[in-house]
């Protein structure tokens, strides 16, 4: 009834369309599963049309699930109240795959609208309960490491892993129970999706520890400089009195 009790591990990322696309949802898990299934059954191959050309079909598939849920939520408001009634009808998402114009990321709004996210306009995107904590940390990483050139795939994996780890350490509601990383790459004109094993993320933990040690070293160096005693200033010589 909208009252959280305990947290249990679960994933909101689905590999769909015979392994050629990823759909990640935020919000009601059941809604995300249904929208993912609707996108999976959508007719036509993604790689024969441009991503923008496919947006109307993506919206239609998502809204086939969203609109009936909105209707049910509206009918339930008088009985359950707004918060409980809406909790099962709100779901945003991200769809990643390869289209005729390359690998693209599409954001699906809770109303079923679709937008293609480009590296130039939206270099990164965060959804869900941890967004308020993830956005500023990821912005910090981006400005430090990738202000002049975009990250490689390996570096992007590091950024995602590091961000979710920090958001988890902040005890953010709705985020926890480990980190899962999925990728979409292109090979021979086809999209290849993959869930990375935990062992592949261990090297990023070592890098993070090294960065933390380096930052402590900078702090210690600044502290020592600030605490160093100021050398005494030599007094100017006093000329001898002449007769």
C-alpha atoms as a PDB file:
ATOM      1  CA  UNK A   1       0.000   0.000   0.000  1.00  0.00           C
ATOM      2  CA  UNK A   2       2.880   2.351  -0.692  1.00  0.00           C
ATOM      3  CA  UNK A   3       4.501   1.823   2.720  1.00  0.00           C
ATOM      4  CA  UNK A   4       8.083   0.474   2.380  1.00  0.00           C
ATOM      5  CA  UNK A   5       9.197  -2.186   4.834  1.00  0.00           C
ATOM      6  CA  UNK A   6      12.391  -3.967   3.788  1.00  0.00           C
ATOM      7  CA  UNK A   7      14.611  -3.745   0.739  1.00  0.00           C
ATOM      8  CA  UNK A   8      15.321  -6.716  -1.506  1.00  0.00           C
ATOM      9  CA  UNK A   9      17.733  -7.061  -4.383  1.00  0.00           C
ATOM     10  CA  UNK A  10      16.287  -6.673  -7.854  1.00  0.00           C
ATOM     11  CA  UNK A  11      17.230  -5.352 -11.266  1.00  0.00           C
ATOM     12  CA  UNK A  12      15.396  -2.917 -13.512  1.00  0.00           C
ATOM     13  CA  UNK A  13      17.536  -3.584 -16.596  1.00  0.00           C
ATOM     14  CA  UNK A  14      16.346  -5.975 -19.292  1.00  0.00           C
ATOM     15  CA  UNK A  15      18.192  -7.362 -22.310  1.00  0.00           C
ATOM     16  CA  UNK A  16      15.523  -7.427 -25.033  1.00  0.00           C
ATOM     17  CA  UNK A  17      15.067  -7.931 -28.787  1.00  0.00           C
ATOM     18  CA  UNK A  18      17.175 -11.097 -28.935  1.00  0.00           C
ATOM     19  CA  UNK A  19      20.101  -9.447 -27.189  1.00  0.00           C
ATOM     20  CA  UNK A  20      20.279  -6.372 -29.425  1.00  0.00           C
ATOM     21  CA  UNK A  21      18.863  -3.780 -27.005  1.00  0.00           C
ATOM     22  CA  UNK A  22      18.829  -2.759 -23.348  1.00  0.00           C
ATOM     23  CA  UNK A  23      15.809  -1.325 -21.559  1.00  0.00           C
ATOM     24  CA  UNK A  24      16.282   0.125 -18.062  1.00  0.00           C
ATOM     25  CA  UNK A  25      13.308   1.427 -16.103  1.00  0.00           C
ATOM     26  CA  UNK A  26      12.757   3.671 -13.094  1.00  0.00           C
ATOM     27  CA  UNK A  27       9.610   3.513 -11.015  1.00  0.00           C
ATOM     28  CA  UNK A  28       7.131   0.666 -10.723  1.00  0.00           C
ATOM     29  CA  UNK A  29       8.924  -2.588 -11.528  1.00  0.00           C
ATOM     30  CA  UNK A  30       5.778  -4.193 -12.963  1.00  0.00           C
ATOM     31  CA  UNK A  31       5.269  -1.270 -15.333  1.00  0.00           C
ATOM     32  CA  UNK A  32       8.872  -1.476 -16.446  1.00  0.00           C
ATOM     33  CA  UNK A  33       8.524  -5.187 -17.163  1.00  0.00           C
ATOM     34  CA  UNK A  34       5.405  -4.612 -19.244  1.00  0.00           C
ATOM     35  CA  UNK A  35       6.894  -1.730 -21.228  1.00  0.00           C
ATOM     36  CA  UNK A  36      10.045  -3.761 -21.830  1.00  0.00           C
ATOM     37  CA  UNK A  37       7.921  -6.625 -23.162  1.00  0.00           C
ATOM     38  CA  UNK A  38       6.014  -4.233 -25.454  1.00  0.00           C
ATOM     39  CA  UNK A  39       9.281  -2.845 -26.848  1.00  0.00           C
ATOM     40  CA  UNK A  40      10.572  -6.381 -27.282  1.00  0.00           C
ATOM     41  CA  UNK A  41       7.562  -7.339 -29.419  1.00  0.00           C
ATOM     42  CA  UNK A  42       7.662  -4.185 -31.516  1.00  0.00           C
ATOM     43  CA  UNK A  43       7.712  -5.047 -35.208  1.00  0.00           C
ATOM     44  CA  UNK A  44      10.610  -4.135 -37.468  1.00  0.00           C
ATOM     45  CA  UNK A  45      14.349  -4.246 -36.955  1.00  0.00           C
ATOM     46  CA  UNK A  46      15.931  -1.217 -35.298  1.00  0.00           C
ATOM     47  CA  UNK A  47      18.996  -1.272 -37.546  1.00  0.00           C
ATOM     48  CA  UNK A  48      17.086  -0.639 -40.787  1.00  0.00           C
ATOM     49  CA  UNK A  49      15.671   2.779 -39.754  1.00  0.00           C
ATOM     50  CA  UNK A  50      17.056   5.845 -38.038  1.00  0.00           C
ATOM     51  CA  UNK A  51      16.473   6.229 -34.336  1.00  0.00           C
ATOM     52  CA  UNK A  52      14.344   9.371 -34.773  1.00  0.00           C
ATOM     53  CA  UNK A  53      12.247   7.556 -37.371  1.00  0.00           C
ATOM     54  CA  UNK A  54      11.463   4.866 -34.818  1.00  0.00           C
ATOM     55  CA  UNK A  55      10.372   7.234 -32.017  1.00  0.00           C
ATOM     56  CA  UNK A  56       6.622   7.205 -32.867  1.00  0.00           C
ATOM     57  CA  UNK A  57       6.611   3.406 -32.729  1.00  0.00           C
ATOM     58  CA  UNK A  58       8.456   3.421 -29.396  1.00  0.00           C
ATOM     59  CA  UNK A  59       5.965   5.911 -27.932  1.00  0.00           C
ATOM     60  CA  UNK A  60       3.012   3.893 -29.169  1.00  0.00           C
ATOM     61  CA  UNK A  61       4.383   0.693 -27.625  1.00  0.00           C
ATOM     62  CA  UNK A  62       5.050   2.384 -24.277  1.00  0.00           C
ATOM     63  CA  UNK A  63       1.673   4.137 -24.185  1.00  0.00           C
ATOM     64  CA  UNK A  64      -0.159   0.891 -24.857  1.00  0.00           C
ATOM     65  CA  UNK A  65       0.897  -0.008 -21.310  1.00  0.00           C
ATOM     66  CA  UNK A  66       0.962   3.458 -19.718  1.00  0.00           C
ATOM     67  CA  UNK A  67      -2.481   4.781 -20.642  1.00  0.00           C
ATOM     68  CA  UNK A  68      -4.488   1.865 -19.174  1.00  0.00           C
ATOM     69  CA  UNK A  69      -2.377   2.152 -16.021  1.00  0.00           C
ATOM     70  CA  UNK A  70      -3.202   5.868 -15.809  1.00  0.00           C
ATOM     71  CA  UNK A  71      -6.892   5.049 -16.092  1.00  0.00           C
ATOM     72  CA  UNK A  72      -6.685   2.468 -13.306  1.00  0.00           C
ATOM     73  CA  UNK A  73      -4.746   4.895 -11.091  1.00  0.00           C
ATOM     74  CA  UNK A  74      -7.354   7.627 -11.608  1.00  0.00           C
ATOM     75  CA  UNK A  75     -10.118   5.225 -10.573  1.00  0.00           C
ATOM     76  CA  UNK A  76      -8.153   4.123  -7.483  1.00  0.00           C
ATOM     77  CA  UNK A  77      -7.444   7.613  -6.128  1.00  0.00           C
ATOM     78  CA  UNK A  78     -10.706   7.817  -4.149  1.00  0.00           C
ATOM     79  CA  UNK A  79      -9.937   4.536  -2.413  1.00  0.00           C
ATOM     80  CA  UNK A  80      -6.144   4.524  -2.020  1.00  0.00           C
ATOM     81  CA  UNK A  81      -5.213   8.205  -2.176  1.00  0.00           C
ATOM     82  CA  UNK A  82      -2.991   9.892  -4.724  1.00  0.00           C
ATOM     83  CA  UNK A  83       0.402   8.520  -3.646  1.00  0.00           C
ATOM     84  CA  UNK A  84      -0.580   4.862  -3.402  1.00  0.00           C
ATOM     85  CA  UNK A  85      -2.711   5.000  -6.563  1.00  0.00           C
ATOM     86  CA  UNK A  86       0.023   6.616  -8.646  1.00  0.00           C
ATOM     87  CA  UNK A  87       2.885   4.419  -7.434  1.00  0.00           C
ATOM     88  CA  UNK A  88       1.985   1.558  -9.808  1.00  0.00           C
ATOM     89  CA  UNK A  89       1.422   3.842 -12.825  1.00  0.00           C
ATOM     90  CA  UNK A  90       4.665   5.863 -12.988  1.00  0.00           C
ATOM     91  CA  UNK A  91       7.622   4.502 -14.910  1.00  0.00           C
ATOM     92  CA  UNK A  92      10.359   6.195 -16.907  1.00  0.00           C
ATOM     93  CA  UNK A  93      13.038   4.405 -18.856  1.00  0.00           C
ATOM     94  CA  UNK A  94      16.079   4.324 -21.108  1.00  0.00           C
ATOM     95  CA  UNK A  95      16.411   2.275 -24.287  1.00  0.00           C
ATOM     96  CA  UNK A  96      19.822   1.629 -25.840  1.00  0.00           C
ATOM     97  CA  UNK A  97      20.396  -0.126 -29.157  1.00  0.00           C
ATOM     98  CA  UNK A  98      21.826   0.280 -32.643  1.00  0.00           C
ATOM     99  CA  UNK A  99      19.767   1.916 -35.365  1.00  0.00           C
ATOM    100  CA  UNK A 100      20.653   2.696 -38.977  1.00  0.00           C
ATOM    101  CA  UNK A 101      22.428   5.840 -37.743  1.00  0.00           C
ATOM    102  CA  UNK A 102      24.438   4.056 -35.043  1.00  0.00           C
ATOM    103  CA  UNK A 103      24.168   3.226 -31.355  1.00  0.00           C
ATOM    104  CA  UNK A 104      21.728   5.612 -29.649  1.00  0.00           C
ATOM    105  CA  UNK A 105      20.204   6.159 -26.224  1.00  0.00           C
ATOM    106  CA  UNK A 106      16.491   7.034 -25.994  1.00  0.00           C
ATOM    107  CA  UNK A 107      14.777   8.345 -22.869  1.00  0.00           C
ATOM    108  CA  UNK A 108      11.123   7.360 -22.373  1.00  0.00           C
ATOM    109  CA  UNK A 109       9.158   9.691 -20.101  1.00  0.00           C
ATOM    110  CA  UNK A 110       6.464   8.458 -17.652  1.00  0.00           C
ATOM    111  CA  UNK A 111       3.905   9.742 -20.191  1.00  0.00           C
ATOM    112  CA  UNK A 112       5.433   7.707 -23.014  1.00  0.00           C
ATOM    113  CA  UNK A 113       7.263  10.531 -24.761  1.00  0.00           C
ATOM    114  CA  UNK A 114      10.609   9.695 -26.394  1.00  0.00           C
ATOM    115  CA  UNK A 115      13.778  11.743 -26.794  1.00  0.00           C
ATOM    116  CA  UNK A 116      17.090  10.792 -28.378  1.00  0.00           C
ATOM    117  CA  UNK A 117      19.936  11.750 -26.034  1.00  0.00           C
ATOM    118  CA  UNK A 118      23.148  12.827 -27.753  1.00  0.00           C
ATOM    119  CA  UNK A 119      26.596  13.152 -26.229  1.00  0.00           C
ATOM    120  CA  UNK A 120      26.746  16.804 -27.266  1.00  0.00           C
ATOM    121  CA  UNK A 121      23.490  17.822 -25.550  1.00  0.00           C
ATOM    122  CA  UNK A 122      23.235  15.305 -22.693  1.00  0.00           C
ATOM    123  CA  UNK A 123      26.619  13.707 -21.944  1.00  0.00           C
ATOM    124  CA  UNK A 124      25.166  11.564 -19.152  1.00  0.00           C
ATOM    125  CA  UNK A 125      21.741  10.834 -17.666  1.00  0.00           C
ATOM    126  CA  UNK A 126      20.615   9.481 -14.298  1.00  0.00           C
ATOM    127  CA  UNK A 127      17.149   8.192 -13.423  1.00  0.00           C
ATOM    128  CA  UNK A 128      15.479   6.949 -10.286  1.00  0.00           C
ATOM    129  CA  UNK A 129      15.757   7.335  -6.540  1.00  0.00           C
ATOM    130  CA  UNK A 130      19.456   8.151  -6.577  1.00  0.00           C
ATOM    131  CA  UNK A 131      19.309  10.893  -9.213  1.00  0.00           C
ATOM    132  CA  UNK A 132      19.702  13.806  -6.783  1.00  0.00           C
ATOM    133  CA  UNK A 133      22.918  12.315  -5.426  1.00  0.00           C
ATOM    134  CA  UNK A 134      24.190  10.784  -8.673  1.00  0.00           C
ATOM    135  CA  UNK A 135      23.933  13.886 -10.878  1.00  0.00           C
ATOM    136  CA  UNK A 136      26.359  16.158  -8.956  1.00  0.00           C
ATOM    137  CA  UNK A 137      28.910  13.393  -8.394  1.00  0.00           C
ATOM    138  CA  UNK A 138      28.868  12.320 -12.040  1.00  0.00           C
ATOM    139  CA  UNK A 139      29.137  15.973 -13.087  1.00  0.00           C
ATOM    140  CA  UNK A 140      32.248  16.274 -10.900  1.00  0.00           C
ATOM    141  CA  UNK A 141      33.821  13.188 -12.484  1.00  0.00           C
ATOM    142  CA  UNK A 142      32.977  14.431 -15.974  1.00  0.00           C
ATOM    143  CA  UNK A 143      34.557  17.850 -15.390  1.00  0.00           C
ATOM    144  CA  UNK A 144      37.726  16.323 -13.928  1.00  0.00           C
ATOM    145  CA  UNK A 145      38.324  13.523 -16.441  1.00  0.00           C
ATOM    146  CA  UNK A 146      36.326  14.157 -19.622  1.00  0.00           C
ATOM    147  CA  UNK A 147      35.907  17.901 -20.014  1.00  0.00           C
ATOM    148  CA  UNK A 148      37.981  17.861 -23.232  1.00  0.00           C
ATOM    149  CA  UNK A 149      37.139  14.463 -24.720  1.00  0.00           C
ATOM    150  CA  UNK A 150      34.429  11.872 -24.070  1.00  0.00           C
ATOM    151  CA  UNK A 151      35.245   8.743 -22.074  1.00  0.00           C
ATOM    152  CA  UNK A 152      36.188   5.452 -23.611  1.00  0.00           C
ATOM    153  CA  UNK A 153      33.871   2.507 -22.947  1.00  0.00           C
ATOM    154  CA  UNK A 154      36.129   1.339 -20.127  1.00  0.00           C
ATOM    155  CA  UNK A 155      36.121   4.815 -18.585  1.00  0.00           C
ATOM    156  CA  UNK A 156      32.330   5.079 -18.925  1.00  0.00           C
ATOM    157  CA  UNK A 157      31.977   1.775 -17.081  1.00  0.00           C
ATOM    158  CA  UNK A 158      34.169   3.214 -14.329  1.00  0.00           C
ATOM    159  CA  UNK A 159      32.004   6.348 -14.122  1.00  0.00           C
ATOM    160  CA  UNK A 160      28.766   4.389 -13.828  1.00  0.00           C
ATOM    161  CA  UNK A 161      30.160   1.910 -11.329  1.00  0.00           C
ATOM    162  CA  UNK A 162      31.772   4.624  -9.189  1.00  0.00           C
ATOM    163  CA  UNK A 163      28.622   6.773  -9.185  1.00  0.00           C
ATOM    164  CA  UNK A 164      26.275   3.986  -8.098  1.00  0.00           C
ATOM    165  CA  UNK A 165      28.766   2.899  -5.442  1.00  0.00           C
ATOM    166  CA  UNK A 166      28.902   6.405  -3.971  1.00  0.00           C
ATOM    167  CA  UNK A 167      25.112   6.799  -4.098  1.00  0.00           C
ATOM    168  CA  UNK A 168      24.798   3.473  -2.255  1.00  0.00           C
ATOM    169  CA  UNK A 169      27.316   4.556   0.381  1.00  0.00           C
ATOM    170  CA  UNK A 170      25.192   7.667   0.966  1.00  0.00           C
ATOM    171  CA  UNK A 171      22.349   5.342   2.055  1.00  0.00           C
ATOM    172  CA  UNK A 172      20.119   6.687  -0.705  1.00  0.00           C
ATOM    173  CA  UNK A 173      16.612   5.290  -0.446  1.00  0.00           C
ATOM    174  CA  UNK A 174      15.880   2.714  -3.128  1.00  0.00           C
ATOM    175  CA  UNK A 175      19.536   2.189  -4.111  1.00  0.00           C
ATOM    176  CA  UNK A 176      21.650  -0.694  -2.840  1.00  0.00           C
ATOM    177  CA  UNK A 177      22.289  -4.437  -2.903  1.00  0.00           C
ATOM    178  CA  UNK A 178      25.304  -4.149  -5.219  1.00  0.00           C
ATOM    179  CA  UNK A 179      26.118  -2.618  -8.599  1.00  0.00           C
ATOM    180  CA  UNK A 180      25.177  -4.035 -11.985  1.00  0.00           C
ATOM    181  CA  UNK A 181      26.746  -2.738 -15.186  1.00  0.00           C
ATOM    182  CA  UNK A 182      25.401  -3.364 -18.699  1.00  0.00           C
ATOM    183  CA  UNK A 183      26.910  -2.221 -22.004  1.00  0.00           C
ATOM    184  CA  UNK A 184      25.812  -1.848 -25.603  1.00  0.00           C
ATOM    185  CA  UNK A 185      28.508  -1.986 -28.273  1.00  0.00           C
ATOM    186  CA  UNK A 186      28.532  -2.325 -32.051  1.00  0.00           C
ATOM    187  CA  UNK A 187      30.103  -5.252 -33.866  1.00  0.00           C
ATOM    188  CA  UNK A 188      29.839  -5.913 -37.603  1.00  0.00           C
ATOM    189  CA  UNK A 189      26.898  -3.524 -37.885  1.00  0.00           C
ATOM    190  CA  UNK A 190      24.934  -5.180 -35.082  1.00  0.00           C
ATOM    191  CA  UNK A 191      24.281  -4.221 -31.463  1.00  0.00           C
ATOM    192  CA  UNK A 192      25.848  -6.419 -28.804  1.00  0.00           C
ATOM    193  CA  UNK A 193      24.549  -6.219 -25.236  1.00  0.00           C
ATOM    194  CA  UNK A 194      26.360  -7.558 -22.208  1.00  0.00           C
ATOM    195  CA  UNK A 195      26.056  -7.697 -18.446  1.00  0.00           C
ATOM    196  CA  UNK A 196      29.539  -7.422 -16.977  1.00  0.00           C
ATOM    197  CA  UNK A 197      30.564 -10.015 -14.384  1.00  0.00           C
ATOM    198  CA  UNK A 198      31.491  -8.800 -10.904  1.00  0.00           C
ATOM    199  CA  UNK A 199      35.115  -9.786 -11.500  1.00  0.00           C
ATOM    200  CA  UNK A 200      35.321  -7.246 -14.337  1.00  0.00           C
ATOM    201  CA  UNK A 201      34.433  -4.453 -11.897  1.00  0.00           C
ATOM    202  CA  UNK A 202      37.157  -5.253  -9.348  1.00  0.00           C
ATOM    203  CA  UNK A 203      39.827  -3.339 -11.263  1.00  0.00           C
ATOM    204  CA  UNK A 204      37.687  -0.221 -11.012  1.00  0.00           C
ATOM    205  CA  UNK A 205      37.592  -0.624  -7.243  1.00  0.00           C
ATOM    206  CA  UNK A 206      41.410  -0.592  -7.244  1.00  0.00           C
ATOM    207  CA  UNK A 207      41.456   2.583  -9.342  1.00  0.00           C
ATOM    208  CA  UNK A 208      38.960   4.295  -7.028  1.00  0.00           C
ATOM    209  CA  UNK A 209      41.094   3.402  -4.007  1.00  0.00           C
ATOM    210  CA  UNK A 210      44.170   4.844  -5.746  1.00  0.00           C
ATOM    211  CA  UNK A 211      42.325   8.094  -6.522  1.00  0.00           C
ATOM    212  CA  UNK A 212      41.199   8.399  -2.914  1.00  0.00           C
ATOM    213  CA  UNK A 213      44.786   7.896  -1.712  1.00  0.00           C
ATOM    214  CA  UNK A 214      46.045  10.507  -4.174  1.00  0.00           C
ATOM    215  CA  UNK A 215      43.463  13.023  -2.946  1.00  0.00           C
ATOM    216  CA  UNK A 216      44.525  12.393   0.642  1.00  0.00           C
ATOM    217  CA  UNK A 217      48.109  13.026  -0.432  1.00  0.00           C
ATOM    218  CA  UNK A 218      47.126  16.388  -1.912  1.00  0.00           C
ATOM    219  CA  UNK A 219      45.272  17.248   1.290  1.00  0.00           C
ATOM    220  CA  UNK A 220      48.249  16.272   3.461  1.00  0.00           C
ATOM    221  CA  UNK A 221      50.596  18.321   1.289  1.00  0.00           C
ATOM    222  CA  UNK A 222      48.378  21.378   1.563  1.00  0.00           C
ATOM    223  CA  UNK A 223      48.060  20.918   5.328  1.00  0.00           C
ATOM    224  CA  UNK A 224      51.815  20.714   5.792  1.00  0.00           C
ATOM    225  CA  UNK A 225      52.345  23.819   3.675  1.00  0.00           C
ATOM    226  CA  UNK A 226      49.769  25.764   5.656  1.00  0.00           C
ATOM    227  CA  UNK A 227      51.218  24.614   8.991  1.00  0.00           C
ATOM    228  CA  UNK A 228      54.870  25.321   8.170  1.00  0.00           C
ATOM    229  CA  UNK A 229      56.289  28.054  10.451  1.00  0.00           C
ATOM    230  CA  UNK A 230      56.956  31.380   8.816  1.00  0.00           C
ATOM    231  CA  UNK A 231      60.710  32.056   8.732  1.00  0.00           C
ATOM    232  CA  UNK A 232      61.736  35.172  10.681  1.00  0.00           C
ATOM    233  CA  UNK A 233      62.180  38.303   8.641  1.00  0.00           C
ATOM    234  CA  UNK A 234      65.730  39.656   8.878  1.00  0.00           C
ATOM    235  CA  UNK A 235      65.937  43.150  10.266  1.00  0.00           C
ATOM    236  CA  UNK A 236      67.636  45.694   7.986  1.00  0.00           C
ATOM    237  CA  UNK A 237      71.159  46.629   9.090  1.00  0.00           C
ATOM    238  CA  UNK A 238      71.455  49.743  11.210  1.00  0.00           C
ATOM    239  CA  UNK A 239      74.080  52.091   9.805  1.00  0.00           C
ATOM    240  CA  UNK A 240      76.839  53.067  12.250  1.00  0.00           C
ATOM    241  CA  UNK A 241      76.535  56.567  13.615  1.00  0.00           C
ATOM    242  CA  UNK A 242      79.168  58.894  12.076  1.00  0.00           C
ATOM    243  CA  UNK A 243      81.067  61.571  13.877  1.00  0.00           C
END
